[in-house]
Amino acid sequence: MVRAGSFFQYVRSPHMTTTPIKDKAGQTLTTYDDADGVCLQKADLRQASLNGADLEGADLCYANLEKADLAGANLRDAKLWATDLRGADLSDADLRGARLWKAKTRLANFSGAKYNYATRFSRGFDPRQKGMKLEE
């Protein structure tokens, strides 16, 4: 599994923006060694390769992750409000405690992804229909 601090070194997206990456305290990171809870609000990460990335507690609100590869990623307690996940691969990702209110999930692959009772989904989203596994 890739740690959050090092995933920036291998992330690939043809749409990367120059949005500053900030930590929980709002400080701009100059190195990516400690990016736990990184703030990527409104980041353009379309088609990014984030396979196995550790994004626990990350703030990805309003980010564009359309067709991104998040297979096996740790997204525990991540904020994914209004995030564009259309066509993204979240298979086997850990979404326990994540908040996906108003996330765009059409054609996203959630098979084998973990969720728990603290995970929040948009109205009408059925995790069991998407092949997700309930794990505490």
N, C-alpha and C. Protein backbone atom coordinates (compact mmCIF):
# COMPACT_ATOMS: atom_id res chain seq x y z
N MET A 1 0.85 -1.18 0.00
CA MET A 1 0.00 0.00 0.00
C MET A 1 0.89 1.24 0.00
N VAL A 2 0.55 2.19 -0.79
CA VAL A 2 1.31 3.44 -0.90
C VAL A 2 0.82 4.41 0.16
N ARG A 3 1.70 5.04 0.90
CA ARG A 3 1.33 6.01 1.92
C ARG A 3 0.92 7.32 1.25
N ALA A 4 0.06 8.06 1.93
CA ALA A 4 -0.41 9.34 1.38
C ALA A 4 0.76 10.25 1.07
N GLY A 5 1.79 10.20 1.90
CA GLY A 5 2.93 11.09 1.71
C GLY A 5 3.68 10.84 0.42
N SER A 6 3.61 9.62 -0.09
CA SER A 6 4.38 9.34 -1.30
C SER A 6 3.52 9.20 -2.54
N PHE A 7 2.20 9.21 -2.40
CA PHE A 7 1.38 8.98 -3.59
C PHE A 7 1.52 10.11 -4.60
N PHE A 8 1.87 11.30 -4.15
CA PHE A 8 2.02 12.41 -5.08
C PHE A 8 3.19 12.19 -6.03
N GLN A 9 4.13 11.35 -5.62
CA GLN A 9 5.29 11.10 -6.46
C GLN A 9 4.94 10.24 -7.66
N TYR A 10 3.85 9.48 -7.57
CA TYR A 10 3.53 8.61 -8.70
C TYR A 10 2.17 8.89 -9.31
N VAL A 11 1.44 9.85 -8.78
CA VAL A 11 0.12 10.16 -9.35
C VAL A 11 0.30 10.63 -10.79
N ARG A 12 -0.55 10.12 -11.65
CA ARG A 12 -0.49 10.50 -13.07
C ARG A 12 -1.87 10.99 -13.50
N SER A 13 -1.93 12.18 -13.96
CA SER A 13 -3.18 12.72 -14.48
C SER A 13 -2.84 13.74 -15.55
N PRO A 14 -3.46 13.61 -16.72
CA PRO A 14 -3.21 14.60 -17.76
C PRO A 14 -3.85 15.95 -17.43
N HIS A 15 -4.62 16.00 -16.34
CA HIS A 15 -5.34 17.22 -16.00
C HIS A 15 -4.87 17.82 -14.68
N MET A 16 -3.67 17.46 -14.19
CA MET A 16 -3.18 17.97 -12.91
C MET A 16 -3.20 19.49 -12.92
N THR A 17 -3.65 20.05 -11.82
CA THR A 17 -3.68 21.51 -11.68
C THR A 17 -2.54 21.94 -10.76
N THR A 18 -2.37 23.22 -10.63
CA THR A 18 -1.36 23.74 -9.73
C THR A 18 -1.97 24.17 -8.40
N THR A 19 -3.15 23.64 -8.08
CA THR A 19 -3.77 23.94 -6.80
C THR A 19 -2.82 23.55 -5.67
N PRO A 20 -2.54 24.47 -4.73
CA PRO A 20 -1.64 24.11 -3.65
C PRO A 20 -2.23 22.98 -2.80
N ILE A 21 -1.38 22.07 -2.37
CA ILE A 21 -1.81 20.96 -1.53
C ILE A 21 -1.53 21.36 -0.09
N LYS A 22 -2.58 21.30 0.75
CA LYS A 22 -2.47 21.78 2.13
C LYS A 22 -2.75 20.65 3.11
N ASP A 23 -2.15 20.76 4.30
CA ASP A 23 -2.42 19.79 5.35
C ASP A 23 -3.65 20.22 6.14
N LYS A 24 -3.98 19.46 7.21
CA LYS A 24 -5.17 19.74 8.01
C LYS A 24 -5.15 21.14 8.62
N ALA A 25 -3.99 21.66 8.91
CA ALA A 25 -3.88 22.98 9.52
C ALA A 25 -3.93 24.10 8.48
N GLY A 26 -4.05 23.75 7.21
CA GLY A 26 -4.12 24.76 6.16
C GLY A 26 -2.77 25.21 5.64
N GLN A 27 -1.70 24.58 6.10
CA GLN A 27 -0.36 24.93 5.66
C GLN A 27 -0.05 24.26 4.32
N THR A 28 0.51 25.01 3.41
CA THR A 28 0.90 24.44 2.12
C THR A 28 2.08 23.51 2.35
N LEU A 29 1.97 22.31 1.80
CA LEU A 29 3.04 21.33 1.95
C LEU A 29 4.16 21.63 0.98
N THR A 30 5.37 21.60 1.47
CA THR A 30 6.52 21.75 0.59
C THR A 30 7.13 20.40 0.26
N THR A 31 6.87 19.42 1.13
CA THR A 31 7.25 18.04 0.84
C THR A 31 6.01 17.20 1.03
N TYR A 32 6.04 16.02 0.50
CA TYR A 32 4.88 15.15 0.60
C TYR A 32 5.11 14.01 1.58
N ASP A 33 6.04 14.21 2.53
CA ASP A 33 6.34 13.16 3.49
C ASP A 33 5.24 12.99 4.52
N ASP A 34 4.48 14.03 4.81
CA ASP A 34 3.42 13.95 5.82
C ASP A 34 2.16 14.59 5.27
N ALA A 35 1.41 13.82 4.51
CA ALA A 35 0.20 14.35 3.88
C ALA A 35 -1.07 13.70 4.41
N ASP A 36 -1.02 13.19 5.65
CA ASP A 36 -2.21 12.60 6.25
C ASP A 36 -3.29 13.68 6.35
N GLY A 37 -4.47 13.38 5.84
CA GLY A 37 -5.55 14.35 5.87
C GLY A 37 -5.36 15.48 4.88
N VAL A 38 -4.65 15.24 3.81
CA VAL A 38 -4.34 16.26 2.82
C VAL A 38 -5.61 16.92 2.27
N CYS A 39 -5.53 18.20 1.95
CA CYS A 39 -6.65 18.95 1.38
C CYS A 39 -6.49 19.02 -0.13
N LEU A 40 -7.39 18.34 -0.83
CA LEU A 40 -7.39 18.36 -2.29
C LEU A 40 -8.74 18.86 -2.81
N GLN A 41 -9.33 19.80 -2.10
CA GLN A 41 -10.61 20.34 -2.54
C GLN A 41 -10.47 20.92 -3.94
N LYS A 42 -11.43 20.60 -4.77
CA LYS A 42 -11.52 21.11 -6.14
C LYS A 42 -10.35 20.71 -7.04
N ALA A 43 -9.54 19.75 -6.61
CA ALA A 43 -8.41 19.31 -7.43
C ALA A 43 -8.91 18.59 -8.67
N ASP A 44 -8.24 18.78 -9.77
CA ASP A 44 -8.58 18.11 -11.02
C ASP A 44 -7.69 16.89 -11.16
N LEU A 45 -8.22 15.73 -10.80
CA LEU A 45 -7.47 14.48 -10.82
C LEU A 45 -8.13 13.48 -11.77
N ARG A 46 -8.69 13.98 -12.85
CA ARG A 46 -9.30 13.08 -13.84
C ARG A 46 -8.25 12.10 -14.34
N GLN A 47 -8.64 10.83 -14.40
CA GLN A 47 -7.81 9.74 -14.92
C GLN A 47 -6.53 9.54 -14.11
N ALA A 48 -6.49 10.04 -12.88
CA ALA A 48 -5.30 9.88 -12.05
C ALA A 48 -5.13 8.43 -11.62
N SER A 49 -3.89 8.01 -11.46
CA SER A 49 -3.57 6.68 -10.97
C SER A 49 -3.27 6.78 -9.48
N LEU A 50 -4.26 6.43 -8.65
CA LEU A 50 -4.13 6.49 -7.20
C LEU A 50 -4.35 5.11 -6.61
N ASN A 51 -4.02 4.10 -7.37
CA ASN A 51 -4.21 2.71 -6.96
C ASN A 51 -3.44 2.43 -5.67
N GLY A 52 -4.17 2.02 -4.62
CA GLY A 52 -3.54 1.67 -3.35
C GLY A 52 -3.08 2.86 -2.51
N ALA A 53 -3.41 4.07 -2.90
CA ALA A 53 -2.97 5.26 -2.16
C ALA A 53 -3.61 5.31 -0.78
N ASP A 54 -2.88 5.83 0.19
CA ASP A 54 -3.39 6.01 1.55
C ASP A 54 -3.88 7.45 1.67
N LEU A 55 -5.18 7.63 1.53
CA LEU A 55 -5.79 8.96 1.58
C LEU A 55 -6.72 9.08 2.78
N GLU A 56 -6.37 8.40 3.86
CA GLU A 56 -7.21 8.42 5.06
C GLU A 56 -7.40 9.85 5.54
N GLY A 57 -8.66 10.24 5.74
CA GLY A 57 -8.98 11.57 6.24
C GLY A 57 -8.80 12.69 5.23
N ALA A 58 -8.51 12.37 3.99
CA ALA A 58 -8.29 13.41 2.97
C ALA A 58 -9.57 14.19 2.69
N ASP A 59 -9.41 15.45 2.36
CA ASP A 59 -10.53 16.31 1.98
C ASP A 59 -10.53 16.42 0.46
N LEU A 60 -11.42 15.67 -0.18
CA LEU A 60 -11.53 15.65 -1.64
C LEU A 60 -12.85 16.28 -2.10
N CYS A 61 -13.42 17.14 -1.27
CA CYS A 61 -14.70 17.78 -1.62
C CYS A 61 -14.57 18.53 -2.95
N TYR A 62 -15.54 18.33 -3.79
CA TYR A 62 -15.63 18.99 -5.10
C TYR A 62 -14.48 18.65 -6.05
N ALA A 63 -13.68 17.65 -5.71
CA ALA A 63 -12.58 17.25 -6.59
C ALA A 63 -13.14 16.49 -7.80
N ASN A 64 -12.42 16.54 -8.89
CA ASN A 64 -12.80 15.80 -10.09
C ASN A 64 -11.90 14.57 -10.19
N LEU A 65 -12.47 13.41 -9.87
CA LEU A 65 -11.77 12.13 -9.94
C LEU A 65 -12.40 11.24 -11.01
N GLU A 66 -12.96 11.88 -12.02
CA GLU A 66 -13.61 11.13 -13.10
C GLU A 66 -12.61 10.17 -13.74
N LYS A 67 -12.99 8.91 -13.81
CA LYS A 67 -12.20 7.82 -14.41
C LYS A 67 -10.85 7.61 -13.71
N ALA A 68 -10.74 8.04 -12.46
CA ALA A 68 -9.50 7.82 -11.71
C ALA A 68 -9.42 6.38 -11.23
N ASP A 69 -8.21 5.89 -11.05
CA ASP A 69 -7.98 4.54 -10.53
C ASP A 69 -7.70 4.65 -9.04
N LEU A 70 -8.71 4.31 -8.23
CA LEU A 70 -8.60 4.33 -6.78
C LEU A 70 -8.75 2.92 -6.21
N ALA A 71 -8.49 1.92 -7.02
CA ALA A 71 -8.63 0.53 -6.59
C ALA A 71 -7.71 0.27 -5.39
N GLY A 72 -8.29 -0.28 -4.34
CA GLY A 72 -7.52 -0.62 -3.15
C GLY A 72 -7.06 0.57 -2.33
N ALA A 73 -7.53 1.77 -2.65
CA ALA A 73 -7.11 2.97 -1.91
C ALA A 73 -7.74 3.00 -0.52
N ASN A 74 -7.02 3.59 0.43
CA ASN A 74 -7.53 3.79 1.78
C ASN A 74 -8.16 5.18 1.82
N LEU A 75 -9.49 5.21 1.82
CA LEU A 75 -10.24 6.47 1.88
C LEU A 75 -11.05 6.54 3.17
N ARG A 76 -10.55 5.89 4.23
CA ARG A 76 -11.26 5.92 5.51
C ARG A 76 -11.40 7.36 5.98
N ASP A 77 -12.61 7.70 6.41
CA ASP A 77 -12.92 9.03 6.94
C ASP A 77 -12.65 10.17 5.96
N ALA A 78 -12.55 9.86 4.68
CA ALA A 78 -12.33 10.90 3.66
C ALA A 78 -13.61 11.70 3.42
N LYS A 79 -13.44 12.96 3.09
CA LYS A 79 -14.56 13.83 2.74
C LYS A 79 -14.66 13.84 1.22
N LEU A 80 -15.74 13.29 0.72
CA LEU A 80 -15.95 13.20 -0.73
C LEU A 80 -17.25 13.89 -1.13
N TRP A 81 -17.61 14.97 -0.44
CA TRP A 81 -18.83 15.70 -0.75
C TRP A 81 -18.75 16.27 -2.15
N ALA A 82 -19.77 16.00 -2.94
CA ALA A 82 -19.90 16.54 -4.30
C ALA A 82 -18.68 16.23 -5.17
N THR A 83 -17.99 15.16 -4.87
CA THR A 83 -16.83 14.73 -5.66
C THR A 83 -17.30 14.02 -6.92
N ASP A 84 -16.65 14.26 -8.03
CA ASP A 84 -16.99 13.60 -9.29
C ASP A 84 -16.22 12.29 -9.38
N LEU A 85 -16.93 11.19 -9.19
CA LEU A 85 -16.34 9.85 -9.25
C LEU A 85 -16.87 9.07 -10.44
N ARG A 86 -17.45 9.76 -11.42
CA ARG A 86 -18.03 9.05 -12.57
C ARG A 86 -16.96 8.23 -13.29
N GLY A 87 -17.25 6.94 -13.42
CA GLY A 87 -16.35 6.05 -14.14
C GLY A 87 -15.08 5.69 -13.38
N ALA A 88 -14.97 6.10 -12.13
CA ALA A 88 -13.77 5.81 -11.34
C ALA A 88 -13.78 4.35 -10.87
N ASP A 89 -12.61 3.80 -10.65
CA ASP A 89 -12.47 2.44 -10.13
C ASP A 89 -12.15 2.52 -8.65
N LEU A 90 -13.14 2.19 -7.81
CA LEU A 90 -12.96 2.16 -6.37
C LEU A 90 -13.06 0.73 -5.84
N SER A 91 -12.80 -0.24 -6.70
CA SER A 91 -12.89 -1.63 -6.28
C SER A 91 -11.90 -1.90 -5.15
N ASP A 92 -12.38 -2.60 -4.14
CA ASP A 92 -11.58 -2.97 -2.97
C ASP A 92 -11.05 -1.78 -2.17
N ALA A 93 -11.58 -0.59 -2.40
CA ALA A 93 -11.17 0.58 -1.63
C ALA A 93 -11.80 0.51 -0.23
N ASP A 94 -11.18 1.17 0.73
CA ASP A 94 -11.71 1.24 2.09
C ASP A 94 -12.41 2.57 2.26
N LEU A 95 -13.74 2.54 2.29
CA LEU A 95 -14.54 3.76 2.41
C LEU A 95 -15.23 3.85 3.78
N ARG A 96 -14.72 3.12 4.77
CA ARG A 96 -15.34 3.15 6.09
C ARG A 96 -15.21 4.55 6.69
N GLY A 97 -16.36 5.11 7.09
CA GLY A 97 -16.39 6.44 7.67
C GLY A 97 -16.32 7.58 6.67
N ALA A 98 -16.22 7.26 5.39
CA ALA A 98 -16.16 8.31 4.35
C ALA A 98 -17.53 8.95 4.18
N ARG A 99 -17.52 10.18 3.70
CA ARG A 99 -18.76 10.92 3.46
C ARG A 99 -18.85 11.26 1.98
N LEU A 100 -19.82 10.61 1.33
CA LEU A 100 -19.97 10.74 -0.12
C LEU A 100 -21.26 11.47 -0.50
N TRP A 101 -21.72 12.39 0.33
CA TRP A 101 -22.94 13.12 0.02
C TRP A 101 -22.80 13.85 -1.31
N LYS A 102 -23.80 13.70 -2.13
CA LYS A 102 -23.89 14.38 -3.43
C LYS A 102 -22.74 14.04 -4.38
N ALA A 103 -22.03 12.96 -4.11
CA ALA A 103 -20.96 12.53 -5.02
C ALA A 103 -21.58 12.00 -6.30
N LYS A 104 -20.94 12.27 -7.42
CA LYS A 104 -21.40 11.75 -8.71
C LYS A 104 -20.74 10.39 -8.89
N THR A 105 -21.54 9.33 -8.91
CA THR A 105 -20.99 7.98 -8.91
C THR A 105 -21.41 7.14 -10.11
N ARG A 106 -22.01 7.75 -11.11
CA ARG A 106 -22.47 6.98 -12.27
C ARG A 106 -21.30 6.26 -12.93
N LEU A 107 -21.48 4.98 -13.17
CA LEU A 107 -20.51 4.09 -13.81
C LEU A 107 -19.25 3.85 -12.98
N ALA A 108 -19.24 4.28 -11.71
CA ALA A 108 -18.09 3.99 -10.84
C ALA A 108 -18.16 2.54 -10.40
N ASN A 109 -17.00 1.92 -10.25
CA ASN A 109 -16.90 0.53 -9.82
C ASN A 109 -16.59 0.49 -8.32
N PHE A 110 -17.55 0.01 -7.53
CA PHE A 110 -17.39 -0.09 -6.08
C PHE A 110 -17.27 -1.55 -5.63
N SER A 111 -17.10 -2.49 -6.53
CA SER A 111 -17.11 -3.90 -6.15
C SER A 111 -16.01 -4.22 -5.15
N GLY A 112 -16.42 -4.85 -4.06
CA GLY A 112 -15.48 -5.24 -3.02
C GLY A 112 -15.04 -4.12 -2.09
N ALA A 113 -15.49 -2.90 -2.33
CA ALA A 113 -15.12 -1.78 -1.46
C ALA A 113 -15.78 -1.95 -0.10
N LYS A 114 -15.08 -1.53 0.95
CA LYS A 114 -15.58 -1.67 2.32
C LYS A 114 -16.28 -0.39 2.76
N TYR A 115 -17.38 -0.56 3.51
CA TYR A 115 -18.06 0.56 4.13
C TYR A 115 -18.53 0.11 5.50
N ASN A 116 -18.93 1.05 6.35
CA ASN A 116 -19.50 0.71 7.65
C ASN A 116 -20.69 1.62 7.91
N TYR A 117 -21.25 1.51 9.12
CA TYR A 117 -22.43 2.30 9.44
C TYR A 117 -22.13 3.79 9.54
N ALA A 118 -20.88 4.16 9.66
CA ALA A 118 -20.51 5.57 9.70
C ALA A 118 -20.34 6.17 8.30
N THR A 119 -20.27 5.33 7.28
CA THR A 119 -20.13 5.81 5.90
C THR A 119 -21.44 6.48 5.48
N ARG A 120 -21.35 7.64 4.88
CA ARG A 120 -22.54 8.38 4.46
C ARG A 120 -22.57 8.49 2.94
N PHE A 121 -23.72 8.07 2.39
CA PHE A 121 -23.91 8.08 0.94
C PHE A 121 -25.01 9.06 0.57
N SER A 122 -25.07 9.41 -0.70
CA SER A 122 -26.17 10.23 -1.21
C SER A 122 -27.47 9.44 -1.13
N ARG A 123 -28.55 10.14 -1.05
CA ARG A 123 -29.87 9.51 -1.02
C ARG A 123 -30.04 8.65 -2.27
N GLY A 124 -30.51 7.43 -2.06
CA GLY A 124 -30.76 6.52 -3.17
C GLY A 124 -29.59 5.62 -3.52
N PHE A 125 -28.42 5.88 -2.96
CA PHE A 125 -27.25 5.05 -3.23
C PHE A 125 -27.33 3.81 -2.36
N ASP A 126 -27.30 2.63 -2.97
CA ASP A 126 -27.37 1.37 -2.24
C ASP A 126 -26.03 0.65 -2.35
N PRO A 127 -25.23 0.67 -1.29
CA PRO A 127 -23.90 0.06 -1.37
C PRO A 127 -23.93 -1.43 -1.68
N ARG A 128 -24.94 -2.14 -1.21
CA ARG A 128 -25.03 -3.58 -1.50
C ARG A 128 -25.25 -3.82 -2.99
N GLN A 129 -26.07 -2.99 -3.62
CA GLN A 129 -26.29 -3.12 -5.07
C GLN A 129 -25.01 -2.87 -5.85
N LYS A 130 -24.14 -2.08 -5.31
CA LYS A 130 -22.87 -1.75 -5.98
C LYS A 130 -21.78 -2.78 -5.69
N GLY A 131 -22.12 -3.81 -4.89
CA GLY A 131 -21.15 -4.86 -4.59
C GLY A 131 -20.20 -4.54 -3.45
N MET A 132 -20.57 -3.56 -2.63
CA MET A 132 -19.73 -3.18 -1.50
C MET A 132 -19.94 -4.13 -0.33
N LYS A 133 -18.95 -4.20 0.57
CA LYS A 133 -19.00 -5.09 1.72
C LYS A 133 -19.08 -4.28 3.01
N LEU A 134 -20.06 -4.65 3.85
CA LEU A 134 -20.21 -4.00 5.16
C LEU A 134 -19.20 -4.60 6.12
N GLU A 135 -18.29 -3.77 6.64
CA GLU A 135 -17.28 -4.20 7.60
C GLU A 135 -17.13 -3.12 8.66
N GLU A 136 -17.10 -3.55 9.88
CA GLU A 136 -16.88 -2.59 10.97
C GLU A 136 -15.44 -2.62 11.32
